[in-house]
Structure formats: structure tokens, C-alpha cells
Amino acid sequence: MKLLKFGRDFKPDQEVILRDYLAIERTRLANERTLLSYIRSSLYLLLGGIAFFQLKNFPDFKYLAILSLVFSAVFLVIGIYRFALLKRSLKKLYYNFEPNEPPK
């Protein structure tokens, strides 16, 4: 499982200030955007695999279609895993150091 660990946990030593709070929000939005790009790539591979299955005149493309479908599933799983990993890290960072009052 060490191989699939893409990020690292955040360990701040001080209270979260406004600049840090905004950086966390930017990172959260970038994380969502990255997940959507993984999903988009997965759907393109899925459509490519289906299109290769439809080519009846080229039976050798069947293996390429299967490979495309496998990579589609792999991209989707990796994207969801990375999204969940960073979301968990950000949540841990934010909730451990969230002030009682909103940032100024």
C-alpha cells in the first residue's frame, strides 16, 4: 500500500489563519477538479473501448478494446482513491485547527 500513497499528511504547528484557510479551500477545489479530470479520462477510455468493440472488420482491435476498458476502470479507481486521500488529509488539518470564530 506504500506504493499507492501519493501525498503526505499535513502537520501544521500553528493556528490556521486566513491565508492558510484560503489555501486549504484552493486545494480542496483543485482536488475536486482533479477528480473530475480522472473521471473524464476514464469515460474517454470507456468510449474508446466500446468503439473498438464495434469495429467488426478489425478483430485484432478486440484486445485493444479490452485494454482500454481495463485502463478506464483503473483510472477511475486511482482518481477516487487520490481524491479521498487528500480530502481526508485536508479534513484532518482543517478540523484539528479550526478556530471557534471565523477567520478575520
N, C-alpha and C. Protein backbone atom coordinates (compact mmCIF):
# COMPACT_ATOMS: atom_id res chain seq x y z
N MET A 1 0.82 -1.19 0.00
CA MET A 1 0.00 0.00 0.00
C MET A 1 0.86 1.25 0.00
N LYS A 2 2.12 1.12 0.37
CA LYS A 2 3.03 2.25 0.38
C LYS A 2 3.21 2.82 -1.03
N LEU A 3 3.10 1.96 -2.04
CA LEU A 3 3.27 2.38 -3.42
C LEU A 3 2.16 3.34 -3.85
N LEU A 4 0.95 3.14 -3.37
CA LEU A 4 -0.18 3.98 -3.77
C LEU A 4 -0.33 5.23 -2.95
N LYS A 5 0.53 5.46 -1.97
CA LYS A 5 0.43 6.66 -1.15
C LYS A 5 1.03 7.83 -1.92
N PHE A 6 0.18 8.69 -2.46
CA PHE A 6 0.63 9.77 -3.33
C PHE A 6 0.98 11.02 -2.56
N GLY A 7 0.30 11.28 -1.48
CA GLY A 7 0.52 12.53 -0.75
C GLY A 7 1.11 12.28 0.61
N ARG A 8 1.12 13.30 1.39
CA ARG A 8 1.57 13.16 2.77
C ARG A 8 0.62 13.93 3.66
N ASP A 9 0.57 13.55 4.91
CA ASP A 9 -0.32 14.23 5.84
C ASP A 9 0.24 15.60 6.20
N PHE A 10 -0.67 16.54 6.40
CA PHE A 10 -0.27 17.88 6.80
C PHE A 10 -0.15 17.92 8.32
N LYS A 11 0.89 18.57 8.80
CA LYS A 11 1.07 18.72 10.25
C LYS A 11 1.45 20.17 10.55
N PRO A 12 0.46 21.04 10.64
CA PRO A 12 0.79 22.44 10.93
C PRO A 12 1.18 22.59 12.39
N ASP A 13 1.97 23.63 12.66
CA ASP A 13 2.41 23.86 14.03
C ASP A 13 1.73 25.06 14.66
N GLN A 14 0.90 25.75 13.89
CA GLN A 14 0.23 26.93 14.41
C GLN A 14 -1.24 26.90 14.03
N GLU A 15 -1.94 27.90 14.51
CA GLU A 15 -3.36 28.04 14.20
C GLU A 15 -3.53 28.43 12.73
N VAL A 16 -4.63 28.01 12.13
CA VAL A 16 -4.91 28.33 10.73
C VAL A 16 -5.35 29.78 10.64
N ILE A 17 -4.63 30.57 9.84
CA ILE A 17 -5.00 31.96 9.62
C ILE A 17 -5.73 32.05 8.29
N LEU A 18 -6.17 33.27 7.96
CA LEU A 18 -6.98 33.45 6.75
C LEU A 18 -6.24 32.97 5.50
N ARG A 19 -4.98 33.32 5.37
CA ARG A 19 -4.21 32.90 4.20
C ARG A 19 -4.16 31.38 4.09
N ASP A 20 -3.96 30.71 5.23
CA ASP A 20 -3.93 29.25 5.23
C ASP A 20 -5.31 28.67 4.93
N TYR A 21 -6.34 29.29 5.47
CA TYR A 21 -7.70 28.83 5.22
C TYR A 21 -8.02 28.92 3.72
N LEU A 22 -7.64 30.03 3.09
CA LEU A 22 -7.89 30.18 1.66
C LEU A 22 -7.06 29.19 0.84
N ALA A 23 -5.85 28.90 1.29
CA ALA A 23 -5.02 27.91 0.60
C ALA A 23 -5.66 26.53 0.70
N ILE A 24 -6.25 26.22 1.85
CA ILE A 24 -6.93 24.93 2.02
C ILE A 24 -8.13 24.86 1.07
N GLU A 25 -8.87 25.95 0.95
CA GLU A 25 -10.02 25.97 0.05
C GLU A 25 -9.59 25.81 -1.40
N ARG A 26 -8.50 26.48 -1.80
CA ARG A 26 -7.99 26.31 -3.17
C ARG A 26 -7.58 24.87 -3.43
N THR A 27 -6.94 24.28 -2.43
CA THR A 27 -6.50 22.89 -2.58
C THR A 27 -7.70 21.96 -2.68
N ARG A 28 -8.74 22.23 -1.90
CA ARG A 28 -9.95 21.41 -1.96
C ARG A 28 -10.60 21.50 -3.33
N LEU A 29 -10.68 22.71 -3.87
CA LEU A 29 -11.27 22.88 -5.20
C LEU A 29 -10.40 22.24 -6.28
N ALA A 30 -9.09 22.34 -6.15
CA ALA A 30 -8.20 21.69 -7.12
C ALA A 30 -8.34 20.17 -7.03
N ASN A 31 -8.56 19.67 -5.83
CA ASN A 31 -8.76 18.23 -5.65
C ASN A 31 -10.02 17.76 -6.38
N GLU A 32 -11.09 18.54 -6.26
CA GLU A 32 -12.32 18.19 -6.96
C GLU A 32 -12.13 18.26 -8.48
N ARG A 33 -11.40 19.27 -8.93
CA ARG A 33 -11.14 19.42 -10.37
C ARG A 33 -10.32 18.25 -10.89
N THR A 34 -9.36 17.80 -10.09
CA THR A 34 -8.54 16.66 -10.48
C THR A 34 -9.38 15.39 -10.56
N LEU A 35 -10.28 15.20 -9.61
CA LEU A 35 -11.17 14.04 -9.65
C LEU A 35 -12.02 14.07 -10.92
N LEU A 36 -12.53 15.24 -11.27
CA LEU A 36 -13.34 15.34 -12.49
C LEU A 36 -12.51 15.03 -13.74
N SER A 37 -11.24 15.40 -13.73
CA SER A 37 -10.42 15.08 -14.90
C SER A 37 -10.12 13.58 -14.97
N TYR A 38 -9.96 12.92 -13.82
CA TYR A 38 -9.81 11.46 -13.82
C TYR A 38 -11.07 10.80 -14.36
N ILE A 39 -12.23 11.30 -13.95
CA ILE A 39 -13.50 10.74 -14.42
C ILE A 39 -13.63 10.96 -15.93
N ARG A 40 -13.27 12.16 -16.40
CA ARG A 40 -13.35 12.45 -17.84
C ARG A 40 -12.44 11.51 -18.63
N SER A 41 -11.21 11.32 -18.15
CA SER A 41 -10.29 10.42 -18.85
C SER A 41 -10.81 8.99 -18.85
N SER A 42 -11.40 8.60 -17.74
CA SER A 42 -11.96 7.26 -17.64
C SER A 42 -13.11 7.07 -18.62
N LEU A 43 -13.95 8.08 -18.74
CA LEU A 43 -15.07 7.98 -19.68
C LEU A 43 -14.59 7.95 -21.14
N TYR A 44 -13.54 8.73 -21.44
CA TYR A 44 -13.00 8.69 -22.81
C TYR A 44 -12.45 7.31 -23.13
N LEU A 45 -11.75 6.71 -22.18
CA LEU A 45 -11.23 5.36 -22.42
C LEU A 45 -12.36 4.35 -22.56
N LEU A 46 -13.40 4.52 -21.76
CA LEU A 46 -14.56 3.64 -21.85
C LEU A 46 -15.21 3.76 -23.23
N LEU A 47 -15.41 5.00 -23.70
CA LEU A 47 -16.00 5.18 -25.03
C LEU A 47 -15.09 4.63 -26.12
N GLY A 48 -13.77 4.81 -25.97
CA GLY A 48 -12.84 4.26 -26.95
C GLY A 48 -12.90 2.74 -26.98
N GLY A 49 -12.98 2.12 -25.81
CA GLY A 49 -13.10 0.66 -25.74
C GLY A 49 -14.37 0.15 -26.40
N ILE A 50 -15.46 0.84 -26.15
CA ILE A 50 -16.73 0.45 -26.77
C ILE A 50 -16.66 0.62 -28.28
N ALA A 51 -16.03 1.70 -28.73
CA ALA A 51 -15.89 1.93 -30.17
C ALA A 51 -15.03 0.85 -30.82
N PHE A 52 -13.97 0.42 -30.15
CA PHE A 52 -13.14 -0.64 -30.71
C PHE A 52 -13.89 -1.96 -30.78
N PHE A 53 -14.79 -2.21 -29.83
CA PHE A 53 -15.60 -3.43 -29.90
C PHE A 53 -16.56 -3.39 -31.09
N GLN A 54 -16.96 -2.20 -31.51
CA GLN A 54 -17.92 -2.07 -32.62
C GLN A 54 -17.28 -2.30 -33.99
N LEU A 55 -15.95 -2.28 -34.06
CA LEU A 55 -15.27 -2.48 -35.34
C LEU A 55 -15.24 -3.97 -35.68
N LYS A 56 -16.16 -4.40 -36.50
CA LYS A 56 -16.27 -5.82 -36.85
C LYS A 56 -15.23 -6.25 -37.89
N ASN A 57 -14.77 -5.31 -38.70
CA ASN A 57 -13.82 -5.65 -39.76
C ASN A 57 -12.39 -5.83 -39.24
N PHE A 58 -12.14 -5.40 -38.01
CA PHE A 58 -10.80 -5.49 -37.43
C PHE A 58 -10.85 -6.28 -36.13
N PRO A 59 -10.81 -7.59 -36.19
CA PRO A 59 -10.93 -8.40 -34.96
C PRO A 59 -9.72 -8.26 -34.03
N ASP A 60 -8.57 -7.80 -34.57
CA ASP A 60 -7.40 -7.64 -33.70
C ASP A 60 -7.57 -6.49 -32.70
N PHE A 61 -8.50 -5.61 -32.97
CA PHE A 61 -8.73 -4.49 -32.05
C PHE A 61 -9.47 -4.91 -30.78
N LYS A 62 -9.89 -6.16 -30.72
CA LYS A 62 -10.60 -6.63 -29.53
C LYS A 62 -9.71 -6.54 -28.30
N TYR A 63 -8.44 -6.87 -28.46
CA TYR A 63 -7.52 -6.79 -27.31
C TYR A 63 -7.28 -5.35 -26.89
N LEU A 64 -7.22 -4.45 -27.85
CA LEU A 64 -7.07 -3.04 -27.54
C LEU A 64 -8.31 -2.51 -26.82
N ALA A 65 -9.47 -3.01 -27.22
CA ALA A 65 -10.72 -2.60 -26.57
C ALA A 65 -10.74 -3.07 -25.12
N ILE A 66 -10.33 -4.29 -24.88
CA ILE A 66 -10.30 -4.81 -23.50
C ILE A 66 -9.30 -4.03 -22.66
N LEU A 67 -8.14 -3.75 -23.24
CA LEU A 67 -7.13 -2.97 -22.54
C LEU A 67 -7.64 -1.57 -22.20
N SER A 68 -8.36 -0.97 -23.12
CA SER A 68 -8.93 0.35 -22.89
C SER A 68 -9.96 0.32 -21.77
N LEU A 69 -10.78 -0.71 -21.73
CA LEU A 69 -11.78 -0.83 -20.66
C LEU A 69 -11.11 -1.06 -19.31
N VAL A 70 -10.04 -1.84 -19.28
CA VAL A 70 -9.32 -2.07 -18.02
C VAL A 70 -8.69 -0.78 -17.52
N PHE A 71 -8.04 -0.04 -18.44
CA PHE A 71 -7.43 1.23 -18.03
C PHE A 71 -8.48 2.23 -17.59
N SER A 72 -9.66 2.17 -18.17
CA SER A 72 -10.74 3.05 -17.76
C SER A 72 -11.10 2.80 -16.30
N ALA A 73 -11.24 1.54 -15.93
CA ALA A 73 -11.56 1.21 -14.55
C ALA A 73 -10.41 1.59 -13.61
N VAL A 74 -9.17 1.36 -14.05
CA VAL A 74 -8.01 1.70 -13.22
C VAL A 74 -7.94 3.21 -12.99
N PHE A 75 -8.15 4.01 -14.02
CA PHE A 75 -8.13 5.47 -13.86
C PHE A 75 -9.20 5.92 -12.88
N LEU A 76 -10.38 5.35 -12.98
CA LEU A 76 -11.46 5.75 -12.09
C LEU A 76 -11.13 5.40 -10.64
N VAL A 77 -10.60 4.22 -10.40
CA VAL A 77 -10.27 3.80 -9.03
C VAL A 77 -9.14 4.66 -8.46
N ILE A 78 -8.10 4.92 -9.26
CA ILE A 78 -7.00 5.76 -8.77
C ILE A 78 -7.48 7.17 -8.49
N GLY A 79 -8.32 7.72 -9.34
CA GLY A 79 -8.85 9.06 -9.12
C GLY A 79 -9.66 9.17 -7.85
N ILE A 80 -10.52 8.21 -7.61
CA ILE A 80 -11.34 8.23 -6.39
C ILE A 80 -10.47 8.03 -5.16
N TYR A 81 -9.47 7.16 -5.26
CA TYR A 81 -8.57 6.92 -4.13
C TYR A 81 -7.78 8.18 -3.77
N ARG A 82 -7.22 8.84 -4.78
CA ARG A 82 -6.45 10.06 -4.53
C ARG A 82 -7.33 11.17 -3.98
N PHE A 83 -8.56 11.28 -4.49
CA PHE A 83 -9.49 12.29 -4.01
C PHE A 83 -9.79 12.06 -2.53
N ALA A 84 -10.10 10.82 -2.18
CA ALA A 84 -10.44 10.50 -0.79
C ALA A 84 -9.24 10.71 0.14
N LEU A 85 -8.05 10.37 -0.33
CA LEU A 85 -6.85 10.53 0.49
C LEU A 85 -6.59 11.99 0.81
N LEU A 86 -6.64 12.86 -0.19
CA LEU A 86 -6.39 14.28 0.05
C LEU A 86 -7.53 14.91 0.83
N LYS A 87 -8.75 14.49 0.56
CA LYS A 87 -9.89 15.04 1.30
C LYS A 87 -9.78 14.71 2.78
N ARG A 88 -9.38 13.47 3.08
CA ARG A 88 -9.20 13.08 4.47
C ARG A 88 -8.09 13.89 5.14
N SER A 89 -7.00 14.12 4.43
CA SER A 89 -5.89 14.90 4.98
C SER A 89 -6.30 16.35 5.23
N LEU A 90 -7.02 16.93 4.27
CA LEU A 90 -7.48 18.30 4.44
C LEU A 90 -8.49 18.43 5.57
N LYS A 91 -9.35 17.45 5.68
CA LYS A 91 -10.35 17.48 6.75
C LYS A 91 -9.68 17.39 8.11
N LYS A 92 -8.69 16.52 8.21
CA LYS A 92 -7.96 16.38 9.47
C LYS A 92 -7.25 17.69 9.82
N LEU A 93 -6.64 18.32 8.83
CA LEU A 93 -5.94 19.58 9.05
C LEU A 93 -6.91 20.67 9.47
N TYR A 94 -8.00 20.78 8.76
CA TYR A 94 -8.94 21.87 9.00
C TYR A 94 -9.65 21.71 10.34
N TYR A 95 -10.12 20.52 10.65
CA TYR A 95 -10.89 20.35 11.87
C TYR A 95 -10.02 20.32 13.12
N ASN A 96 -8.75 19.92 12.99
CA ASN A 96 -7.88 19.94 14.16
C ASN A 96 -7.51 21.36 14.58
N PHE A 97 -7.49 22.27 13.63
CA PHE A 97 -7.03 23.61 13.92
C PHE A 97 -8.06 24.67 13.59
N GLU A 98 -9.33 24.29 13.53
CA GLU A 98 -10.38 25.24 13.23
C GLU A 98 -10.66 26.10 14.45
N PRO A 99 -10.61 27.42 14.30
CA PRO A 99 -10.92 28.30 15.44
C PRO A 99 -12.41 28.29 15.72
N ASN A 100 -12.77 28.74 16.92
CA ASN A 100 -14.19 28.81 17.29
C ASN A 100 -14.91 29.92 16.54
N GLU A 101 -14.15 30.92 16.12
CA GLU A 101 -14.74 32.02 15.37
C GLU A 101 -14.21 32.01 13.94
N PRO A 102 -14.94 32.59 13.00
CA PRO A 102 -14.47 32.59 11.61
C PRO A 102 -13.18 33.40 11.47
N PRO A 103 -12.36 33.09 10.45
CA PRO A 103 -11.10 33.83 10.28
C PRO A 103 -11.36 35.29 9.94
N LYS A 104 -10.44 36.15 10.38
CA LYS A 104 -10.59 37.60 10.15
C LYS A 104 -9.81 38.04 8.96
